[in-house]
């Protein structure tokens, strides 16, 4: 059985190994940034932007994994892209490559047999090749229309063999190309949201107030002249923590929350409660939101206040009519917060 001291030393050694790899990969990325040649980068982004088809990103081994991730980055930023495993290309997957496409091939050495075998088939389809390569004198580099040279002096692997720092640098440059292309294409928040409809990010970018409020039959509302008992009945029936007070045109004139009820009970004698109306209890001119607002923006309005609010009336943008209530709980339950 190992001693606590030995276990502690082992943990320290592992942490030191991981830290060393992080530093080595960070160094490789920083050195790649210092060595960048702007001309091929600019030419590559220009080629991608003018592409009439899709960006086909290819590689094998660890470079293939990097290529797959770069293809995902292009798709994420609005540039249609696919990953083509160079080893599978000759077994039918070349069918996804069409004239009008552009190829980005990732390879540290630039001499993989699968990559070299792929090149003539890309030429026959008139698909220009951008090489993201560590060896500027390689067969891949000599065959490419544009060469982005990514030299790495030392891998993070102690044997200087496993593609670690070189893969990190290639991945970072791929991300840089995707971001630069996104800017060149003028992608905005709405465009980005259309490509990310799922998950927490997608919800934050796409979910709107109208998606969260309940239907007309679940809208708790009273008129200013309704009695105290009617207000209480409506609040109990809908259990949303508030009711809207509307005039005859369905315009909002106030809101009555649980807090308003408590404050009314504290300030009014028991014998007067029965004569109170909604107008006597309500908070006039409350904070409101329109149904087209992003839910995440409403969350900010509700939380970033000296005194937080837990429910807000919702107005229709075109008519200004009050169409419901939105609770803080509804937003948080949606996964936006």
Protein backbone atom coordinates (compact mmCIF):
# COMPACT_ATOMS: atom_id res chain seq x y z
CA UNK A 1 0.00 0.00 0.00
CA UNK A 2 1.41 3.36 -0.97
CA UNK A 3 1.92 5.96 1.69
CA UNK A 4 0.02 9.26 1.70
CA UNK A 5 3.33 10.99 1.00
CA UNK A 6 4.00 8.80 -2.03
CA UNK A 7 0.47 9.40 -3.33
CA UNK A 8 0.93 13.13 -2.86
CA UNK A 9 4.23 13.07 -4.75
CA UNK A 10 2.61 11.12 -7.61
CA UNK A 11 -0.20 13.68 -7.86
CA UNK A 12 2.33 16.49 -7.91
CA UNK A 13 4.28 14.75 -10.68
CA UNK A 14 1.16 14.29 -12.80
CA UNK A 15 0.20 17.94 -12.32
CA UNK A 16 3.71 18.97 -13.34
CA UNK A 17 3.50 16.80 -16.49
CA UNK A 18 0.15 18.30 -17.48
CA UNK A 19 1.39 21.83 -16.80
CA UNK A 20 4.47 21.18 -18.94
CA UNK A 21 2.30 20.03 -21.85
CA UNK A 22 0.08 23.09 -21.52
CA UNK A 23 3.12 25.36 -21.59
CA UNK A 24 4.63 23.53 -24.56
CA UNK A 25 1.42 23.76 -26.57
CA UNK A 26 0.89 27.40 -25.59
CA UNK A 27 4.45 28.16 -26.69
CA UNK A 28 3.87 26.43 -30.02
CA UNK A 29 0.72 28.49 -30.63
CA UNK A 30 2.44 31.75 -29.71
CA UNK A 31 5.44 30.96 -31.91
CA UNK A 32 3.09 30.06 -34.78
CA UNK A 33 1.39 33.44 -34.33
CA UNK A 34 4.75 35.21 -34.56
CA UNK A 35 5.73 33.28 -37.70
CA UNK A 36 2.48 33.74 -39.63
CA UNK A 37 2.77 34.87 -43.23
CA UNK A 38 -0.25 37.11 -43.90
CA UNK A 39 -0.28 36.53 -47.67
CA UNK A 40 -1.41 32.85 -47.73
CA UNK A 41 -3.82 33.42 -44.86
CA UNK A 42 -5.48 36.29 -46.72
CA UNK A 43 -5.55 34.28 -49.94
CA UNK A 44 -7.10 31.28 -48.16
CA UNK A 45 -9.89 33.31 -46.54
CA UNK A 46 -10.57 35.03 -49.86
CA UNK A 47 -10.79 31.62 -51.57
CA UNK A 48 -13.13 30.28 -48.87
CA UNK A 49 -15.33 33.37 -49.11
CA UNK A 50 -15.69 33.05 -52.89
CA UNK A 51 -16.29 29.29 -52.73
CA UNK A 52 -19.49 28.39 -54.63
CA UNK A 53 -19.69 24.99 -52.99
CA UNK A 54 -18.41 23.81 -49.63
CA UNK A 55 -15.10 23.62 -47.79
CA UNK A 56 -13.84 20.04 -47.71
CA UNK A 57 -11.44 19.59 -44.79
CA UNK A 58 -9.30 16.47 -44.84
CA UNK A 59 -6.51 14.70 -43.00
CA UNK A 60 -5.50 11.40 -41.43
CA UNK A 61 -4.45 10.35 -37.94
CA UNK A 62 -4.24 13.16 -35.41
CA UNK A 63 -4.29 15.69 -38.25
CA UNK A 64 -7.57 14.11 -39.34
CA UNK A 65 -9.00 14.76 -35.89
CA UNK A 66 -7.86 18.36 -36.13
CA UNK A 67 -9.40 18.59 -39.62
CA UNK A 68 -12.73 17.30 -38.32
CA UNK A 69 -12.70 19.95 -35.60
CA UNK A 70 -11.83 22.71 -38.12
CA UNK A 71 -14.74 21.63 -40.34
CA UNK A 72 -17.01 21.95 -37.30
CA UNK A 73 -15.63 25.44 -36.66
CA UNK A 74 -16.40 26.51 -40.23
CA UNK A 75 -19.96 25.18 -39.96
CA UNK A 76 -20.40 26.87 -36.60
CA UNK A 77 -19.45 30.23 -38.08
CA UNK A 78 -21.71 29.92 -41.12
CA UNK A 79 -19.40 28.48 -43.80
CA UNK A 80 -20.73 25.12 -45.15
CA UNK A 81 -18.05 22.50 -44.59
CA UNK A 82 -17.59 18.73 -44.47
CA UNK A 83 -14.86 16.46 -43.14
CA UNK A 84 -13.38 13.94 -45.57
CA UNK A 85 -11.15 11.26 -44.09
CA UNK A 86 -8.35 10.89 -46.60
CA UNK A 87 -8.22 7.10 -46.10
CA UNK A 88 -11.93 6.74 -46.92
CA UNK A 89 -11.84 9.05 -49.94
CA UNK A 90 -10.77 6.30 -52.32
CA UNK A 91 -13.50 3.97 -51.06
CA UNK A 92 -16.48 6.04 -52.16
CA UNK A 93 -16.33 9.16 -50.02
CA UNK A 94 -14.88 11.16 -52.91
CA UNK A 95 -18.48 11.41 -54.06
CA UNK A 96 -19.03 14.30 -51.67
CA UNK A 97 -16.38 16.40 -53.47
CA UNK A 98 -17.74 18.44 -56.34
CA UNK A 99 -16.49 21.11 -58.70
CA UNK A 100 -16.87 24.46 -56.96
CA UNK A 101 -15.63 23.10 -53.63
CA UNK A 102 -12.40 24.11 -51.93
CA UNK A 103 -10.19 21.65 -50.01
CA UNK A 104 -8.28 22.40 -46.82
CA UNK A 105 -5.85 19.59 -46.05
CA UNK A 106 -4.23 19.34 -42.64
CA UNK A 107 -0.98 17.39 -42.35
CA UNK A 108 2.04 18.02 -40.17
CA UNK A 109 4.52 16.09 -42.34
CA UNK A 110 2.70 16.50 -45.64
CA UNK A 111 3.79 13.06 -46.90
CA UNK A 112 1.02 10.70 -45.71
CA UNK A 113 0.23 8.14 -48.42
CA UNK A 114 -3.51 8.72 -48.06
CA UNK A 115 -3.07 12.47 -48.55
CA UNK A 116 -0.80 12.08 -51.57
CA UNK A 117 -3.27 9.63 -53.15
CA UNK A 118 -6.12 12.10 -52.67
CA UNK A 119 -4.45 15.03 -54.44
CA UNK A 120 -4.86 13.93 -58.10
CA UNK A 121 -8.57 13.27 -57.55
CA UNK A 122 -9.02 16.79 -56.22
CA UNK A 123 -7.17 18.17 -59.25
CA UNK A 124 -9.40 16.20 -61.62
CA UNK A 125 -12.42 17.86 -60.00
CA UNK A 126 -10.75 21.28 -60.27
CA UNK A 127 -10.85 21.67 -56.50
CA UNK A 128 -8.11 24.05 -55.27
CA UNK A 129 -6.15 22.87 -52.25
CA UNK A 130 -5.13 24.91 -49.24
CA UNK A 131 -2.46 23.08 -47.26
CA UNK A 132 -2.13 23.57 -43.51
CA UNK A 133 1.22 21.86 -43.18
CA UNK A 134 4.28 21.72 -40.97
CA UNK A 135 6.74 20.89 -43.77
CA UNK A 136 6.89 23.58 -46.46
CA UNK A 137 8.95 21.30 -48.74
CA UNK A 138 6.56 18.34 -48.58
CA UNK A 139 4.67 16.79 -51.46
CA UNK A 140 1.43 18.27 -50.13
CA UNK A 141 2.91 21.76 -49.98
CA UNK A 142 4.29 21.51 -53.52
CA UNK A 143 0.87 20.45 -54.85
CA UNK A 144 -1.24 23.02 -53.02
CA UNK A 145 -2.50 26.28 -54.46
CA UNK A 146 -2.01 27.98 -51.08
CA UNK A 147 0.38 26.87 -48.34
CA UNK A 148 -0.09 27.90 -44.73
CA UNK A 149 3.14 26.85 -43.08
CA UNK A 150 2.86 25.84 -39.41
CA UNK A 151 6.33 24.81 -38.23
CA UNK A 152 6.65 23.49 -34.67
CA UNK A 153 10.12 23.08 -33.18
CA UNK A 154 9.24 20.77 -30.31
CA UNK A 155 6.28 18.54 -29.54
CA UNK A 156 4.99 18.39 -25.97
CA UNK A 157 5.72 14.66 -26.04
CA UNK A 158 9.06 13.96 -24.23
CA UNK A 159 10.09 11.78 -27.19
CA UNK A 160 9.24 14.62 -29.59
CA UNK A 161 7.09 12.17 -31.52
CA UNK A 162 3.40 12.34 -30.55
CA UNK A 163 1.65 15.16 -32.44
CA UNK A 164 0.70 17.38 -29.51
CA UNK A 165 2.05 20.90 -29.91
CA UNK A 166 1.82 20.66 -33.71
CA UNK A 167 -1.83 19.58 -33.48
CA UNK A 168 -2.61 22.40 -31.07
CA UNK A 169 -1.03 24.99 -33.37
CA UNK A 170 -2.85 23.65 -36.45
CA UNK A 171 -6.14 23.66 -34.56
CA UNK A 172 -5.62 27.25 -33.43
CA UNK A 173 -4.87 28.42 -36.97
CA UNK A 174 -7.96 26.58 -38.20
CA UNK A 175 -10.05 28.43 -35.63
CA UNK A 176 -8.41 31.67 -36.74
CA UNK A 177 -9.35 31.00 -40.36
CA UNK A 178 -12.95 30.26 -39.35
CA UNK A 179 -13.22 33.46 -37.31
CA UNK A 180 -11.64 35.57 -40.05
CA UNK A 181 -14.01 34.05 -42.61
CA UNK A 182 -16.96 34.75 -40.30
CA UNK A 183 -15.97 38.42 -40.18
CA UNK A 184 -15.44 38.55 -43.95
CA UNK A 185 -18.92 37.10 -44.50
CA UNK A 186 -20.45 39.65 -42.11
CA UNK A 187 -22.02 37.03 -39.85
CA UNK A 188 -24.12 38.68 -37.11
CA UNK A 189 -25.71 37.42 -33.91
CA UNK A 190 -28.94 36.46 -35.69
CA UNK A 191 -27.01 34.43 -38.29
CA UNK A 192 -25.01 32.74 -35.56
CA UNK A 193 -28.21 31.90 -33.66
CA UNK A 194 -29.70 30.16 -36.71
CA UNK A 195 -26.73 27.78 -36.71
CA UNK A 196 -26.96 27.10 -32.96
CA UNK A 197 -30.63 26.47 -32.14
CA UNK A 198 -29.99 23.78 -29.52
CA UNK A 199 -28.36 23.73 -26.12
CA UNK A 200 -27.96 26.59 -23.70
CA UNK A 201 -26.21 28.79 -26.27
CA UNK A 202 -28.99 28.28 -28.79
CA UNK A 203 -31.68 29.04 -26.26
CA UNK A 204 -29.95 32.24 -25.19
CA UNK A 205 -29.75 33.40 -28.81
CA UNK A 206 -33.18 32.30 -30.04
CA UNK A 207 -35.70 31.87 -27.23
CA UNK A 208 -38.12 34.79 -27.04
CA UNK A 209 -40.74 35.87 -24.56
CA UNK A 210 -43.60 34.69 -26.78
CA UNK A 211 -42.13 31.17 -26.59
CA UNK A 212 -42.46 31.13 -22.79
CA UNK A 213 -45.76 32.78 -21.96
CA UNK A 214 -48.85 30.62 -21.68
CA UNK A 215 -51.93 30.83 -23.83
CA UNK A 216 -54.82 33.25 -23.51
CA UNK A 217 -56.72 30.93 -21.18
CA UNK A 218 -53.80 31.01 -18.73
CA UNK A 219 -53.50 34.81 -18.65
CA UNK A 220 -54.52 36.05 -15.15
CA UNK A 221 -56.22 39.42 -15.53
CA UNK A 222 -58.79 41.63 -13.85
CA UNK A 223 -60.29 45.07 -14.49
CA UNK A 224 -59.67 48.03 -12.18
CA UNK A 225 -63.16 47.84 -10.61
CA UNK A 226 -62.99 44.14 -9.73
CA UNK A 227 -63.38 43.42 -6.03
CA UNK A 228 -60.65 42.27 -3.69
CA UNK A 229 -62.19 38.79 -3.63
CA UNK A 230 -62.07 38.54 -7.44
CA UNK A 231 -58.38 39.46 -7.42
CA UNK A 232 -57.62 36.78 -4.83
CA UNK A 233 -59.65 34.19 -6.74
CA UNK A 234 -57.82 34.96 -9.99
CA UNK A 235 -54.41 34.74 -8.32
CA UNK A 236 -55.26 31.41 -6.72
CA UNK A 237 -56.69 29.98 -9.96
CA UNK A 238 -53.62 30.75 -12.10
CA UNK A 239 -50.89 30.50 -9.45
CA UNK A 240 -48.46 32.76 -11.31
CA UNK A 241 -47.75 35.09 -8.41
CA UNK A 242 -49.50 38.07 -10.02
CA UNK A 243 -52.45 39.29 -12.09
CA UNK A 244 -52.52 42.00 -14.73
CA UNK A 245 -54.99 44.86 -14.40
CA UNK A 246 -56.38 45.77 -17.83
CA UNK A 247 -58.80 48.42 -19.07
CA UNK A 248 -61.63 47.74 -21.51
CA UNK A 249 -59.18 47.98 -24.46
CA UNK A 250 -56.96 45.27 -22.98
CA UNK A 251 -54.35 47.91 -22.18
CA UNK A 252 -52.29 47.39 -19.07
CA UNK A 253 -52.94 49.86 -16.27
CA UNK A 254 -51.23 48.00 -13.43
CA UNK A 255 -50.14 44.72 -11.88
CA UNK A 256 -51.01 43.07 -8.58
CA UNK A 257 -48.36 40.75 -7.17
CA UNK A 258 -48.23 38.63 -4.02
CA UNK A 259 -46.19 41.45 -2.54
CA UNK A 260 -48.90 44.00 -3.29
CA UNK A 261 -51.42 41.79 -1.46
CA UNK A 262 -49.19 41.49 1.59
CA UNK A 263 -48.53 45.21 1.70
CA UNK A 264 -52.25 45.94 1.38
CA UNK A 265 -53.09 43.63 4.27
CA UNK A 266 -50.47 45.37 6.41
CA UNK A 267 -51.67 48.92 5.73
CA UNK A 268 -55.47 48.48 5.55
CA UNK A 269 -57.68 47.59 8.48
CA UNK A 270 -59.56 44.30 8.30
CA UNK A 271 -62.97 45.94 8.09
CA UNK A 272 -61.95 47.84 4.92
CA UNK A 273 -60.46 44.93 2.97
CA UNK A 274 -63.81 43.81 1.61
CA UNK A 275 -64.43 47.17 -0.07
CA UNK A 276 -61.10 47.36 -1.90
CA UNK A 277 -60.90 47.04 -5.67
CA UNK A 278 -58.07 46.04 -7.97
CA UNK A 279 -57.28 49.69 -8.57
CA UNK A 280 -56.73 50.22 -4.82
CA UNK A 281 -54.21 47.36 -4.63
CA UNK A 282 -52.30 47.46 -7.92
CA UNK A 283 -48.90 48.90 -8.74
CA UNK A 284 -49.55 51.30 -11.64
CA UNK A 285 -47.25 51.58 -14.68
CA UNK A 286 -45.16 48.49 -13.94
CA UNK A 287 -42.07 47.44 -15.87
CA UNK A 288 -43.14 45.56 -19.00
CA UNK A 289 -41.57 43.60 -21.85
CA UNK A 290 -42.71 42.93 -25.39
CA UNK A 291 -43.27 39.41 -26.64
CA UNK A 292 -40.51 39.65 -29.30
CA UNK A 293 -37.79 40.29 -26.69
CA UNK A 294 -35.12 37.66 -26.19
CA UNK A 295 -35.72 35.82 -22.94
CA UNK A 296 -32.08 36.34 -21.91
CA UNK A 297 -32.51 40.11 -22.20
CA UNK A 298 -35.61 39.99 -20.01
CA UNK A 299 -33.70 37.94 -17.47
CA UNK A 300 -31.13 40.73 -17.30
CA UNK A 301 -33.88 43.34 -16.82
CA UNK A 302 -35.42 41.34 -13.98
CA UNK A 303 -32.19 40.55 -12.16
CA UNK A 304 -29.99 43.61 -12.69
CA UNK A 305 -32.04 45.89 -10.50
CA UNK A 306 -31.59 47.24 -7.03
CA UNK A 307 -34.83 45.49 -6.20
CA UNK A 308 -35.32 42.34 -8.28
CA UNK A 309 -38.69 41.50 -9.81
CA UNK A 310 -39.98 37.97 -10.31
CA UNK A 311 -42.80 38.59 -12.81
CA UNK A 312 -43.45 41.06 -15.64
CA UNK A 313 -46.47 41.79 -17.87
CA UNK A 314 -45.96 41.00 -21.55
CA UNK A 315 -47.19 43.36 -24.27
CA UNK A 316 -47.83 42.70 -27.92
CA UNK A 317 -45.37 44.76 -29.92
CA UNK A 318 -47.73 45.83 -32.70
CA UNK A 319 -50.83 46.75 -30.69
CA UNK A 320 -49.49 47.30 -27.18
CA UNK A 321 -52.19 45.01 -25.81
CA UNK A 322 -51.27 42.99 -22.75
CA UNK A 323 -51.05 39.29 -23.64
CA UNK A 324 -49.71 37.59 -20.54
CA UNK A 325 -47.27 37.33 -17.66
CA UNK A 326 -43.70 36.08 -17.69
CA UNK A 327 -42.16 34.76 -14.51
CA UNK A 328 -38.49 34.60 -13.63
CA UNK A 329 -39.11 30.93 -12.93
CA UNK A 330 -40.28 30.39 -16.53
CA UNK A 331 -37.04 31.83 -17.90
CA UNK A 332 -34.80 29.84 -15.58
CA UNK A 333 -36.71 26.63 -16.25
CA UNK A 334 -36.18 27.12 -19.99
CA UNK A 335 -32.42 26.80 -19.48
CA UNK A 336 -31.58 30.34 -20.56
CA UNK A 337 -30.22 31.42 -17.18
